Structure formats: structure tokens, C-alpha cells
C-alpha atoms as a PDB file:
ATOM      1  CA  UNK A   1      -0.169  -0.052  -0.116  1.00  0.00           C
ATOM      2  CA  UNK A   2       1.552   3.424  -0.854  1.00  0.00           C
ATOM      3  CA  UNK A   3       0.276   6.401   1.672  1.00  0.00           C
ATOM      4  CA  UNK A   4       1.301   9.843   1.098  1.00  0.00           C
ATOM      5  CA  UNK A   5       0.098  12.772   3.409  1.00  0.00           C
ATOM      6  CA  UNK A   6      -0.692  16.560   2.474  1.00  0.00           C
ATOM      7  CA  UNK A   7      -0.406  18.881   5.029  1.00  0.00           C
ATOM      8  CA  UNK A   8      -2.166  22.177   3.594  1.00  0.00           C
ATOM      9  CA  UNK A   9      -0.766  25.160   6.663  1.00  0.00           C
ATOM     10  CA  UNK A  10      -3.011  27.523   6.394  1.00  0.00           C
ATOM     11  CA  UNK A  11      -5.898  26.205   7.579  1.00  0.00           C
ATOM     12  CA  UNK A  12      -3.834  23.390   8.949  1.00  0.00           C
ATOM     13  CA  UNK A  13      -5.908  20.516   7.061  1.00  0.00           C
ATOM     14  CA  UNK A  14      -4.199  16.944   6.302  1.00  0.00           C
ATOM     15  CA  UNK A  15      -5.500  14.981   3.335  1.00  0.00           C
ATOM     16  CA  UNK A  16      -4.298  11.372   2.445  1.00  0.00           C
ATOM     17  CA  UNK A  17      -3.631  10.403  -0.777  1.00  0.00           C
ATOM     18  CA  UNK A  18      -3.172   5.974  -0.413  1.00  0.00           C
ATOM     19  CA  UNK A  19      -3.918   3.048  -2.432  1.00  0.00           C
ATOM     20  CA  UNK A  20      -2.819  -0.217  -4.428  1.00  0.00           C
ATOM     21  CA  UNK A  21      -0.010   0.327  -6.852  1.00  0.00           C
ATOM     22  CA  UNK A  22      -0.313  -3.428  -7.703  1.00  0.00           C
ATOM     23  CA  UNK A  23      -3.863  -2.665  -9.087  1.00  0.00           C
ATOM     24  CA  UNK A  24      -3.396   0.976  -9.865  1.00  0.00           C
ATOM     25  CA  UNK A  25      -6.224   1.868  -8.112  1.00  0.00           C
ATOM     26  CA  UNK A  26      -5.686   5.123  -5.680  1.00  0.00           C
ATOM     27  CA  UNK A  27      -7.951   7.413  -3.498  1.00  0.00           C
ATOM     28  CA  UNK A  28      -7.693  10.415  -1.581  1.00  0.00           C
ATOM     29  CA  UNK A  29      -9.444  11.236   2.141  1.00  0.00           C
ATOM     30  CA  UNK A  30     -10.864  14.735   2.877  1.00  0.00           C
ATOM     31  CA  UNK A  31      -9.710  16.411  -0.190  1.00  0.00           C
ATOM     32  CA  UNK A  32      -8.417  20.089   0.127  1.00  0.00           C
ATOM     33  CA  UNK A  33      -9.250  22.110  -3.231  1.00  0.00           C
ATOM     34  CA  UNK A  34      -5.971  23.749  -3.079  1.00  0.00           C
ATOM     35  CA  UNK A  35      -4.194  20.739  -3.364  1.00  0.00           C
ATOM     36  CA  UNK A  36      -5.765  18.939  -6.053  1.00  0.00           C
ATOM     37  CA  UNK A  37      -3.029  19.271  -8.540  1.00  0.00           C
ATOM     38  CA  UNK A  38      -0.406  17.603  -6.135  1.00  0.00           C
ATOM     39  CA  UNK A  39      -2.652  14.332  -5.543  1.00  0.00           C
ATOM     40  CA  UNK A  40      -3.052  14.605  -9.454  1.00  0.00           C
ATOM     41  CA  UNK A  41       0.748  15.190 -10.322  1.00  0.00           C
ATOM     42  CA  UNK A  42       1.529  12.559  -7.222  1.00  0.00           C
ATOM     43  CA  UNK A  43      -0.983   9.701  -9.173  1.00  0.00           C
ATOM     44  CA  UNK A  44       0.375  10.400 -12.448  1.00  0.00           C
ATOM     45  CA  UNK A  45       4.094   9.780 -11.293  1.00  0.00           C
ATOM     46  CA  UNK A  46       2.966   6.294  -9.460  1.00  0.00           C
ATOM     47  CA  UNK A  47       1.477   5.722 -12.308  1.00  0.00           C
ATOM     48  CA  UNK A  48      -2.353   4.900 -11.448  1.00  0.00           C
ATOM     49  CA  UNK A  49      -5.289   6.391 -11.539  1.00  0.00           C
ATOM     50  CA  UNK A  50      -7.243   8.457  -8.635  1.00  0.00           C
ATOM     51  CA  UNK A  51      -9.986   6.123  -8.196  1.00  0.00           C
ATOM     52  CA  UNK A  52     -11.753   7.215  -5.626  1.00  0.00           C
ATOM     53  CA  UNK A  53     -12.608  10.249  -3.839  1.00  0.00           C
ATOM     54  CA  UNK A  54     -13.191   9.897   0.389  1.00  0.00           C
ATOM     55  CA  UNK A  55     -15.453  12.566   2.731  1.00  0.00           C
ATOM     56  CA  UNK A  56     -15.324  12.027   6.062  1.00  0.00           C
ATOM     57  CA  UNK A  57     -18.256  14.253   6.428  1.00  0.00           C
ATOM     58  CA  UNK A  58     -19.309  17.697   4.969  1.00  0.00           C
ATOM     59  CA  UNK A  59     -16.451  20.262   5.695  1.00  0.00           C
ATOM     60  CA  UNK A  60     -16.948  23.352   7.176  1.00  0.00           C
ATOM     61  CA  UNK A  61     -13.492  24.944   6.973  1.00  0.00           C
ATOM     62  CA  UNK A  62     -11.970  24.578   3.748  1.00  0.00           C
ATOM     63  CA  UNK A  63     -13.781  23.661   0.517  1.00  0.00           C
ATOM     64  CA  UNK A  64     -13.305  20.205  -0.839  1.00  0.00           C
ATOM     65  CA  UNK A  65     -11.253  19.025  -4.086  1.00  0.00           C
ATOM     66  CA  UNK A  66     -13.561  16.324  -4.600  1.00  0.00           C
ATOM     67  CA  UNK A  67     -15.599  18.361  -7.303  1.00  0.00           C
ATOM     68  CA  UNK A  68     -12.329  18.813  -9.373  1.00  0.00           C
ATOM     69  CA  UNK A  69     -11.437  14.450  -8.536  1.00  0.00           C
ATOM     70  CA  UNK A  70     -14.644  13.226  -9.494  1.00  0.00           C
ATOM     71  CA  UNK A  71     -14.458  15.232 -12.717  1.00  0.00           C
ATOM     72  CA  UNK A  72     -10.961  13.751 -13.177  1.00  0.00           C
ATOM     73  CA  UNK A  73     -12.617  10.242 -12.910  1.00  0.00           C
ATOM     74  CA  UNK A  74     -13.084   9.103  -9.225  1.00  0.00           C
ATOM     75  CA  UNK A  75     -16.120   7.935  -7.301  1.00  0.00           C
ATOM     76  CA  UNK A  76     -17.255   9.477  -4.617  1.00  0.00           C
ATOM     77  CA  UNK A  77     -17.839   8.401  -1.380  1.00  0.00           C
ATOM     78  CA  UNK A  78     -20.113  10.266   2.023  1.00  0.00           C
ATOM     79  CA  UNK A  79     -21.292   8.842   4.740  1.00  0.00           C
ATOM     80  CA  UNK A  80     -24.527   7.534   4.988  1.00  0.00           C
ATOM     81  CA  UNK A  81     -27.005  10.261   5.920  1.00  0.00           C
ATOM     82  CA  UNK A  82     -24.780  13.426   4.946  1.00  0.00           C
ATOM     83  CA  UNK A  83     -26.709  15.993   3.499  1.00  0.00           C
ATOM     84  CA  UNK A  84     -25.379  16.540  -0.127  1.00  0.00           C
ATOM     85  CA  UNK A  85     -26.757  17.225  -3.827  1.00  0.00           C
ATOM     86  CA  UNK A  86     -24.459  15.722  -6.083  1.00  0.00           C
ATOM     87  CA  UNK A  87     -23.563  11.453  -7.004  1.00  0.00           C
ATOM     88  CA  UNK A  88     -21.987   9.673  -4.151  1.00  0.00           C
ATOM     89  CA  UNK A  89     -21.580   6.143  -2.930  1.00  0.00           C
ATOM     90  CA  UNK A  90     -23.522   7.050   0.690  1.00  0.00           C
ATOM     91  CA  UNK A  91     -21.120   4.769   3.175  1.00  0.00           C
ATOM     92  CA  UNK A  92     -23.130   2.832   6.150  1.00  0.00           C
ATOM     93  CA  UNK A  93     -20.978   1.514   9.524  1.00  0.00           C
ATOM     94  CA  UNK A  94     -19.479  -1.413   8.481  1.00  0.00           C
ATOM     95  CA  UNK A  95     -19.013  -1.183   4.453  1.00  0.00           C
ATOM     96  CA  UNK A  96     -16.096  -1.966   2.689  1.00  0.00           C
ATOM     97  CA  UNK A  97     -14.637  -0.346  -0.359  1.00  0.00           C
ATOM     98  CA  UNK A  98     -11.540  -2.671  -1.972  1.00  0.00           C
ATOM     99  CA  UNK A  99      -8.833  -0.604  -3.720  1.00  0.00           C
ATOM    100  CA  UNK A 100      -7.138  -3.470  -4.994  1.00  0.00           C
ATOM    101  CA  UNK A 101      -5.137  -4.919  -1.455  1.00  0.00           C
ATOM    102  CA  UNK A 102      -6.090  -1.864   0.355  1.00  0.00           C
ATOM    103  CA  UNK A 103      -9.481  -2.541   1.866  1.00  0.00           C
ATOM    104  CA  UNK A 104     -11.319   0.424   3.600  1.00  0.00           C
ATOM    105  CA  UNK A 105     -13.874  -0.069   6.169  1.00  0.00           C
ATOM    106  CA  UNK A 106     -16.109   2.723   6.884  1.00  0.00           C
ATOM    107  CA  UNK A 107     -16.814   3.206  10.959  1.00  0.00           C
ATOM    108  CA  UNK A 108     -19.332   5.861  12.005  1.00  0.00           C
ATOM    109  CA  UNK A 109     -17.745   8.202  14.288  1.00  0.00           C
ATOM    110  CA  UNK A 110     -20.818  10.592  14.669  1.00  0.00           C
ATOM    111  CA  UNK A 111     -20.373  13.779  16.900  1.00  0.00           C
ATOM    112  CA  UNK A 112     -18.331  16.575  14.971  1.00  0.00           C
ATOM    113  CA  UNK A 113     -20.859  16.505  12.377  1.00  0.00           C
ATOM    114  CA  UNK A 114     -24.089  14.192  12.218  1.00  0.00           C
ATOM    115  CA  UNK A 115     -22.813  12.252   8.960  1.00  0.00           C
ATOM    116  CA  UNK A 116     -19.275  11.386   9.882  1.00  0.00           C
ATOM    117  CA  UNK A 117     -16.854   8.407   9.347  1.00  0.00           C
ATOM    118  CA  UNK A 118     -13.657   7.060  10.043  1.00  0.00           C
ATOM    119  CA  UNK A 119     -12.009   4.829   7.489  1.00  0.00           C
ATOM    120  CA  UNK A 120     -10.127   1.652   9.079  1.00  0.00           C
ATOM    121  CA  UNK A 121      -7.328   0.300   6.502  1.00  0.00           C
ATOM    122  CA  UNK A 122      -5.634  -2.926   5.751  1.00  0.00           C
ATOM    123  CA  UNK A 123      -3.902  -3.974   3.336  1.00  0.00           C
ATOM    124  CA  UNK A 124      -4.978  -7.534   2.131  1.00  0.00           C
ATOM    125  CA  UNK A 125      -1.116  -8.888   1.277  1.00  0.00           C
ATOM    126  CA  UNK A 126      -0.409  -8.609   5.057  1.00  0.00           C
ATOM    127  CA  UNK A 127      -3.983  -9.894   6.909  1.00  0.00           C
ATOM    128  CA  UNK A 128      -6.937  -8.792   5.321  1.00  0.00           C
ATOM    129  CA  UNK A 129      -9.059  -8.319   8.855  1.00  0.00           C
ATOM    130  CA  UNK A 130      -5.872  -6.968  10.466  1.00  0.00           C
ATOM    131  CA  UNK A 131      -6.024  -2.639  10.577  1.00  0.00           C
ATOM    132  CA  UNK A 132      -3.026  -0.723   9.850  1.00  0.00           C
ATOM    133  CA  UNK A 133      -4.223   2.837  10.159  1.00  0.00           C
ATOM    134  CA  UNK A 134      -7.506   4.680  10.509  1.00  0.00           C
ATOM    135  CA  UNK A 135      -8.547   8.056   9.169  1.00  0.00           C
ATOM    136  CA  UNK A 136     -10.497   9.762  11.743  1.00  0.00           C
ATOM    137  CA  UNK A 137     -11.179  12.907  10.126  1.00  0.00           C
ATOM    138  CA  UNK A 138     -12.512  15.524  12.683  1.00  0.00           C
ATOM    139  CA  UNK A 139     -13.575  13.122  15.225  1.00  0.00           C
ATOM    140  CA  UNK A 140     -10.380  11.842  17.418  1.00  0.00           C
ATOM    141  CA  UNK A 141      -7.628  14.146  16.662  1.00  0.00           C
ATOM    142  CA  UNK A 142      -4.181  14.236  17.699  1.00  0.00           C
ATOM    143  CA  UNK A 143      -3.906  15.776  21.372  1.00  0.00           C
ATOM    144  CA  UNK A 144      -7.638  16.392  21.230  1.00  0.00           C
ATOM    145  CA  UNK A 145     -10.989  15.430  19.561  1.00  0.00           C
ATOM    146  CA  UNK A 146     -12.816  17.532  17.247  1.00  0.00           C
ATOM    147  CA  UNK A 147     -15.560  20.258  18.789  1.00  0.00           C
ATOM    148  CA  UNK A 148     -19.189  19.775  18.330  1.00  0.00           C
ATOM    149  CA  UNK A 149     -20.610  22.903  17.773  1.00  0.00           C
ATOM    150  CA  UNK A 150     -20.180  23.316  14.035  1.00  0.00           C
ATOM    151  CA  UNK A 151     -22.720  21.281  12.933  1.00  0.00           C
ATOM    152  CA  UNK A 152     -25.022  20.884  14.834  1.00  0.00           C
ATOM    153  CA  UNK A 153     -27.836  23.631  14.868  1.00  0.00           C
ATOM    154  CA  UNK A 154     -27.262  25.967  18.085  1.00  0.00           C
ATOM    155  CA  UNK A 155     -27.610  22.610  20.139  1.00  0.00           C
ATOM    156  CA  UNK A 156     -23.839  20.844  20.925  1.00  0.00           C
ATOM    157  CA  UNK A 157     -24.154  19.032  23.838  1.00  0.00           C
ATOM    158  CA  UNK A 158     -26.203  16.006  22.012  1.00  0.00           C
ATOM    159  CA  UNK A 159     -23.921  15.916  19.145  1.00  0.00           C
ATOM    160  CA  UNK A 160     -20.990  16.048  21.942  1.00  0.00           C
ATOM    161  CA  UNK A 161     -22.326  12.646  23.790  1.00  0.00           C
ATOM    162  CA  UNK A 162     -22.268  11.517  20.857  1.00  0.00           C
ATOM    163  CA  UNK A 163     -18.796  12.367  19.845  1.00  0.00           C
ATOM    164  CA  UNK A 164     -17.817  10.531  23.242  1.00  0.00           C
ATOM    165  CA  UNK A 165     -19.267   7.136  22.165  1.00  0.00           C
ATOM    166  CA  UNK A 166     -17.161   7.699  18.354  1.00  0.00           C
ATOM    167  CA  UNK A 167     -14.714   7.956  20.383  1.00  0.00           C
ATOM    168  CA  UNK A 168     -15.393   5.048  22.631  1.00  0.00           C
ATOM    169  CA  UNK A 169     -15.525   2.839  19.330  1.00  0.00           C
ATOM    170  CA  UNK A 170     -12.075   4.127  17.366  1.00  0.00           C
ATOM    171  CA  UNK A 171     -10.406   3.204  21.153  1.00  0.00           C
ATOM    172  CA  UNK A 172     -12.044  -0.346  20.619  1.00  0.00           C
ATOM    173  CA  UNK A 173      -8.715  -0.814  17.889  1.00  0.00           C
ATOM    174  CA  UNK A 174      -5.129  -1.845  18.826  1.00  0.00           C
ATOM    175  CA  UNK A 175      -2.782   0.405  20.151  1.00  0.00           C
ATOM    176  CA  UNK A 176      -1.305  -0.060  17.118  1.00  0.00           C
ATOM    177  CA  UNK A 177      -3.422   1.309  14.777  1.00  0.00           C
ATOM    178  CA  UNK A 178      -1.877   4.259  12.779  1.00  0.00           C
ATOM    179  CA  UNK A 179      -4.644   7.679  13.522  1.00  0.00           C
ATOM    180  CA  UNK A 180      -4.453   9.989  10.627  1.00  0.00           C
ATOM    181  CA  UNK A 181      -6.568  13.148  11.832  1.00  0.00           C
ATOM    182  CA  UNK A 182      -8.191  15.485   9.033  1.00  0.00           C
ATOM    183  CA  UNK A 183      -6.249  18.591  11.263  1.00  0.00           C
ATOM    184  CA  UNK A 184      -3.657  19.616  13.196  1.00  0.00           C
ATOM    185  CA  UNK A 185      -2.428  22.187  15.409  1.00  0.00           C
ATOM    186  CA  UNK A 186      -3.748  25.231  14.291  1.00  0.00           C
ATOM    187  CA  UNK A 187      -6.987  24.541  13.034  1.00  0.00           C
ATOM    188  CA  UNK A 188     -10.402  25.555  14.571  1.00  0.00           C
ATOM    189  CA  UNK A 189     -12.102  22.019  14.353  1.00  0.00           C
ATOM    190  CA  UNK A 190     -10.188  21.674  18.280  1.00  0.00           C
ATOM    191  CA  UNK A 191      -8.508  23.407  21.058  1.00  0.00           C
ATOM    192  CA  UNK A 192      -5.641  21.640  21.677  1.00  0.00           C
ATOM    193  CA  UNK A 193      -3.986  19.883  18.601  1.00  0.00           C
ATOM    194  CA  UNK A 194      -0.883  18.731  18.611  1.00  0.00           C
ATOM    195  CA  UNK A 195       1.691  20.130  15.773  1.00  0.00           C
ATOM    196  CA  UNK A 196       2.409  16.444  15.245  1.00  0.00           C
ATOM    197  CA  UNK A 197       0.052  15.628  12.546  1.00  0.00           C
ATOM    198  CA  UNK A 198      -0.282  12.343  12.766  1.00  0.00           C
ATOM    199  CA  UNK A 199      -0.507   9.345  16.068  1.00  0.00           C
ATOM    200  CA  UNK A 200      -1.369   6.109  17.065  1.00  0.00           C
ATOM    201  CA  UNK A 201      -4.582   4.570  18.859  1.00  0.00           C
ATOM    202  CA  UNK A 202      -2.506   3.830  21.664  1.00  0.00           C
ATOM    203  CA  UNK A 203      -0.569   7.308  22.013  1.00  0.00           C
ATOM    204  CA  UNK A 204      -3.809   8.896  21.917  1.00  0.00           C
ATOM    205  CA  UNK A 205      -5.249   6.311  24.759  1.00  0.00           C
ATOM    206  CA  UNK A 206      -2.345   7.376  26.963  1.00  0.00           C
ATOM    207  CA  UNK A 207      -1.397  10.855  26.306  1.00  0.00           C
ATOM    208  CA  UNK A 208      -4.846  12.722  24.863  1.00  0.00           C
ATOM    209  CA  UNK A 209      -6.235  14.938  27.449  1.00  0.00           C
ATOM    210  CA  UNK A 210      -9.412  15.236  26.333  1.00  0.00           C
ATOM    211  CA  UNK A 211      -9.910  11.417  26.801  1.00  0.00           C
ATOM    212  CA  UNK A 212      -9.345  11.787  30.865  1.00  0.00           C
ATOM    213  CA  UNK A 213     -12.842  11.792  31.722  1.00  0.00           C
ATOM    214  CA  UNK A 214     -14.413   9.172  33.468  1.00  0.00           C
ATOM    215  CA  UNK A 215     -17.778   9.850  31.657  1.00  0.00           C
ATOM    216  CA  UNK A 216     -19.891  11.218  28.959  1.00  0.00           C
ATOM    217  CA  UNK A 217     -21.571  14.046  31.084  1.00  0.00           C
ATOM    218  CA  UNK A 218     -17.883  15.120  32.257  1.00  0.00           C
ATOM    219  CA  UNK A 219     -16.224  14.748  28.149  1.00  0.00           C
ATOM    220  CA  UNK A 220     -19.814  16.892  27.088  1.00  0.00           C
ATOM    221  CA  UNK A 221     -18.713  19.508  29.547  1.00  0.00           C
ATOM    222  CA  UNK A 222     -15.377  19.743  28.943  1.00  0.00           C
ATOM    223  CA  UNK A 223     -15.491  19.670  25.057  1.00  0.00           C
ATOM    224  CA  UNK A 224     -18.531  22.617  25.110  1.00  0.00           C
ATOM    225  CA  UNK A 225     -16.227  25.202  27.376  1.00  0.00           C
ATOM    226  CA  UNK A 226     -13.424  28.029  25.649  1.00  0.00           C
ATOM    227  CA  UNK A 227     -14.825  26.735  21.923  1.00  0.00           C
ATOM    228  CA  UNK A 228     -12.437  29.013  19.430  1.00  0.00           C
ATOM    229  CA  UNK A 229     -14.066  30.848  16.897  1.00  0.00           C
ATOM    230  CA  UNK A 230     -15.930  29.221  13.891  1.00  0.00           C
ATOM    231  CA  UNK A 231     -14.098  28.806  10.381  1.00  0.00           C
ATOM    232  CA  UNK A 232     -14.299  32.098   8.597  1.00  0.00           C
ATOM    233  CA  UNK A 233     -17.158  31.586   5.748  1.00  0.00           C
ATOM    234  CA  UNK A 234     -18.346  28.701   7.059  1.00  0.00           C
ATOM    235  CA  UNK A 235     -21.754  28.626   5.355  1.00  0.00           C
ATOM    236  CA  UNK A 236     -20.613  29.340   2.310  1.00  0.00           C
ATOM    237  CA  UNK A 237     -18.130  26.843   2.470  1.00  0.00           C
ATOM    238  CA  UNK A 238     -20.523  24.562   3.550  1.00  0.00           C
ATOM    239  CA  UNK A 239     -22.800  25.118   1.000  1.00  0.00           C
ATOM    240  CA  UNK A 240     -20.714  24.538  -1.476  1.00  0.00           C
ATOM    241  CA  UNK A 241     -19.445  21.268  -0.228  1.00  0.00           C
ATOM    242  CA  UNK A 242     -23.108  20.135   0.004  1.00  0.00           C
ATOM    243  CA  UNK A 243     -23.378  21.242  -3.836  1.00  0.00           C
ATOM    244  CA  UNK A 244     -20.227  19.366  -4.730  1.00  0.00           C
ATOM    245  CA  UNK A 245     -19.323  18.640  -8.148  1.00  0.00           C
ATOM    246  CA  UNK A 246     -23.003  20.167  -9.585  1.00  0.00           C
ATOM    247  CA  UNK A 247     -21.345  23.395  -8.397  1.00  0.00           C
ATOM    248  CA  UNK A 248     -18.806  23.472 -11.264  1.00  0.00           C
ATOM    249  CA  UNK A 249     -21.812  23.375 -13.720  1.00  0.00           C
ATOM    250  CA  UNK A 250     -23.122  26.018 -12.260  1.00  0.00           C
END
């Protein structure tokens, strides 16, 4: 399996090109509009097309690169229940997408957004059932968890409680599973994110301060204190990302 991370410093966003070179099938997770040319150039260098684009949720802090990748031939995969207006494959909890030897399993992780998924990745050349890494989106971050208020319609406490259950599901993964979130230090999508963009389940279990609360009530209460300002132009960004490829033709 090949994996290439992309870090966009202005908004502290992380996205990932990954997949199977043996069967020439690549995908991008949470693509950033500003980085589409870089994904495409690396795919050309690797000699494989980008066949799939996975969104962990409808982004609120940056315009997605999904439309450009779909126009170039990729299939869009979006969490089931996401409010989007473009053609896509909805992914429910437990669904599997195979990219050659790279096996992607959906884990529903609502909380940051009502429709939010993490993507657990395995390599069938090693062991189809054994997870290697997880793309956590805005659920589990390095040193923090995602904020629950951006998609909550003014009532973030139920979303914070949902996020607690989602984090519990992620922490059922083995300690050695690598964690690749969609934001790092400097992003407004969390409060105490590390400047190190990558981690592991075991390290976060041990050192992530947001995971130290003994129950859902204390977790939710702490998560709603000292929230940073919402992303600039959040409404326009969310609307553009919901329209997706349709927006490029209107």
C-alpha cells in the first residue's frame, strides 16, 4: 500500500493519497481544493489513477477538492445521511470498499458532524482483517477531539455526547493502529491539537487530555468550554461542499 500525506498550513488541514499500486487503484481522503493538482501529479508519477475520493464529513473550514477529482473520474464516497446534492456512494457503518489490496472499512463516528465516518484501512497482502491505520477525520485528533458545535444547529451538547460514543468505538482499535486525522495544530476544528499531525491509538489513549474524562457527562461538559471562533465563511464553505460537482457546472 502507498500512502502520501498532504498538509495545508493556512488552515492546518491534512489530506491523504493512498491505495494499491499492484492493481493501480488510488484514493484521496478529505481532499483540499488547493491541493488537487498535487494529488493528480503524484498519481501520474505513481502511474495509477485516482479512482475514489472519501469524505469523512461535509467540511466546514475549507472547500473540498472532491468536485475536481470526480470530474477527473473518481467515484465519490460520503457518509450515509450526509446532506449533499451530488451523485455519490453513501457509506454506512461497516461497509467495505476494496482498492485492490487496500481494504477500507467504514466506522460511523458522528459527533463533530451528524454524518461522520472514520475509515479503517488494512492491506490484504498482510492480513485483510488486521487494521493498519485509520483516517479519523474530525473525530479523534492528535491531542484533542473535534469540536461538536459547527454542525449542531445551536445545540451542541447532544453532538458532544455522540462524539463520546464515537471515540469509544475508535479506542476499541488495537494500540498499534496509526491515526491520521484531518487537522493538526492551528486548526479551528479543535482546541488543543498537537503540532504533530499523526499519532497512534495507543499514544492517544495514553496522552490525549480530551480522553481523560470518566464519563460522557464530564466529557461533554468539558468539550463545550472555550470553543474557538467558527471558521471564516463557514456557511458559504458548507454550502459549496454540499453542492459538490454540481457547483462546478452552475
